[in-house]
Protein backbone atom coordinates (compact mmCIF):
# COMPACT_ATOMS: atom_id res chain seq x y z
CA MET A 1 8.91 -13.66 -3.47
CA HIS A 2 9.26 -11.70 -6.69
CA PRO A 3 11.19 -8.41 -6.29
CA ASN A 4 8.28 -6.36 -7.68
CA ILE A 5 5.57 -7.98 -5.58
CA PHE A 6 4.67 -7.68 -1.91
CA SER A 7 1.69 -8.12 0.35
CA VAL A 8 0.60 -6.98 3.78
CA LYS A 9 -0.59 -9.56 6.27
CA LYS A 10 -3.43 -8.78 8.67
CA PHE A 11 -1.12 -9.19 11.71
CA GLU A 12 1.17 -6.53 10.21
CA GLY A 13 -1.78 -4.14 10.07
CA THR A 14 -2.68 -4.88 13.68
CA SER A 15 0.94 -4.36 14.77
CA PHE A 16 1.14 -1.14 12.75
CA ALA A 17 -2.07 0.15 14.35
CA LYS A 18 -0.56 -0.38 17.81
CA PHE A 19 2.76 1.18 16.78
CA SER A 20 1.31 4.21 14.98
CA GLY A 21 -1.67 4.83 17.22
CA ASP A 22 -3.96 4.76 14.16
CA ASN A 23 -6.64 2.45 15.47
CA ASN A 24 -9.27 3.29 12.87
CA ILE A 25 -11.52 0.24 12.90
CA ILE A 26 -11.55 0.04 9.08
CA HIS A 27 -8.01 -1.37 9.39
CA ILE A 28 -8.44 -3.89 12.19
CA ASN A 29 -12.08 -4.79 12.91
CA ASN A 30 -13.52 -7.46 10.59
CA ILE A 31 -17.14 -6.41 11.07
CA ALA A 32 -16.37 -2.74 10.44
CA GLY A 33 -14.36 -3.68 7.36
CA HIS A 34 -17.13 -5.88 6.02
CA ASN A 35 -19.71 -3.12 6.54
CA SER A 36 -17.50 -0.42 5.00
CA ILE A 37 -17.71 0.87 1.43
CA TYR A 38 -14.82 -1.50 0.63
CA GLY A 39 -16.50 -4.64 1.99
CA HIS A 40 -13.27 -5.63 3.76
CA ASN A 41 -10.57 -4.28 6.02
CA ILE A 42 -8.10 -1.99 4.28
CA VAL A 43 -4.39 -1.61 4.90
CA HIS A 44 -3.03 1.62 6.43
CA GLY A 45 -1.83 3.82 3.56
CA VAL A 46 1.40 4.66 5.38
CA LEU A 47 2.15 0.95 5.80
CA ILE A 48 1.72 0.46 2.03
CA ILE A 49 4.11 3.36 1.38
CA LEU A 50 6.72 2.06 3.83
CA LYS A 51 6.68 -1.43 2.30
CA PHE A 52 6.78 0.06 -1.21
CA PHE A 53 9.80 2.22 -0.33
CA LYS A 54 11.58 -0.80 1.10
CA LYS A 55 10.85 -2.85 -2.04
CA ILE A 56 12.19 -0.21 -4.42
CA GLN A 57 15.14 0.46 -2.08
CA PHE A 58 14.22 4.13 -1.82
CA LYS A 59 17.46 5.99 -1.02
CA LYS A 60 17.65 8.99 -3.32
CA ASN A 61 16.79 12.58 -2.54
CA TYR A 62 13.69 13.71 -4.35
CA SER A 63 12.21 17.17 -4.63
CA HIS A 64 8.69 15.80 -4.09
CA ILE A 65 6.68 12.64 -3.91
CA LYS A 66 3.00 12.48 -4.80
CA ILE A 67 0.94 9.42 -3.97
CA ILE A 68 -2.63 8.97 -5.08
CA PHE A 69 -4.67 6.15 -3.55
CA LEU A 70 -7.49 5.09 -5.84
CA LYS A 71 -8.79 2.14 -3.82
CA GLY A 72 -8.31 0.57 -0.41
CA PHE A 73 -5.71 -2.22 -0.41
CA LYS A 74 -6.74 -5.65 0.88
CA TYR A 75 -4.72 -7.66 3.36
CA ASN A 76 -3.12 -10.93 2.25
CA SER A 77 -3.35 -10.09 -1.45
CA GLU A 78 -0.39 -9.53 -3.77
CA ILE A 79 0.54 -5.97 -4.68
CA LYS A 80 2.53 -5.64 -7.88
CA ILE A 81 4.83 -2.67 -8.48
CA ARG A 82 4.91 -1.35 -12.03
CA LYS A 83 7.67 1.18 -12.79
CA ILE A 84 7.12 3.64 -15.61
CA LYS A 85 10.05 5.76 -16.77
CA LYS A 86 8.93 9.15 -18.07
CA ASN A 87 12.39 10.57 -18.79
CA LYS A 88 15.93 10.52 -17.37
CA TYR A 89 14.83 12.06 -14.08
CA LYS A 90 11.17 11.11 -13.69
CA PHE A 91 9.80 7.76 -12.69
CA PHE A 92 6.22 6.85 -11.95
CA TYR A 93 5.04 3.78 -10.15
CA GLU A 94 1.70 2.05 -10.07
CA LEU A 95 0.65 -0.33 -7.34
CA ILE A 96 -1.63 -3.00 -8.73
CA GLN A 97 -3.82 -5.39 -6.77
CA GLN A 98 -6.23 -7.86 -8.34
CA LYS A 99 -5.36 -6.54 -11.83
CA ASN A 100 -6.45 -2.99 -10.95
CA ILE A 101 -4.41 0.12 -10.16
CA TYR A 102 -4.91 0.92 -6.49
CA ALA A 103 -2.30 3.69 -6.17
CA SER A 104 0.09 5.67 -8.34
């Protein structure tokens, strides 16, 4: 798989729900997901962040991290990482799914 692309499988979400104790049905129940404002199950935000950090090999010390979720990520759909360099010390990332920015 491309180094700037990842996805989250539904079984990963189910496993993460068991591990984290976050059993919100929007993440794991197909009927609840379908009837939600998203029309589908959405991935746990923390799981997205953990996979993102692993992909970018997050190892540095930062003074702060700000993450803004704009939409709910779908399972089994590619998430592209776009890195934007603001200056020598500042980097911004966008997480794109289905050609739309879902988080920054």
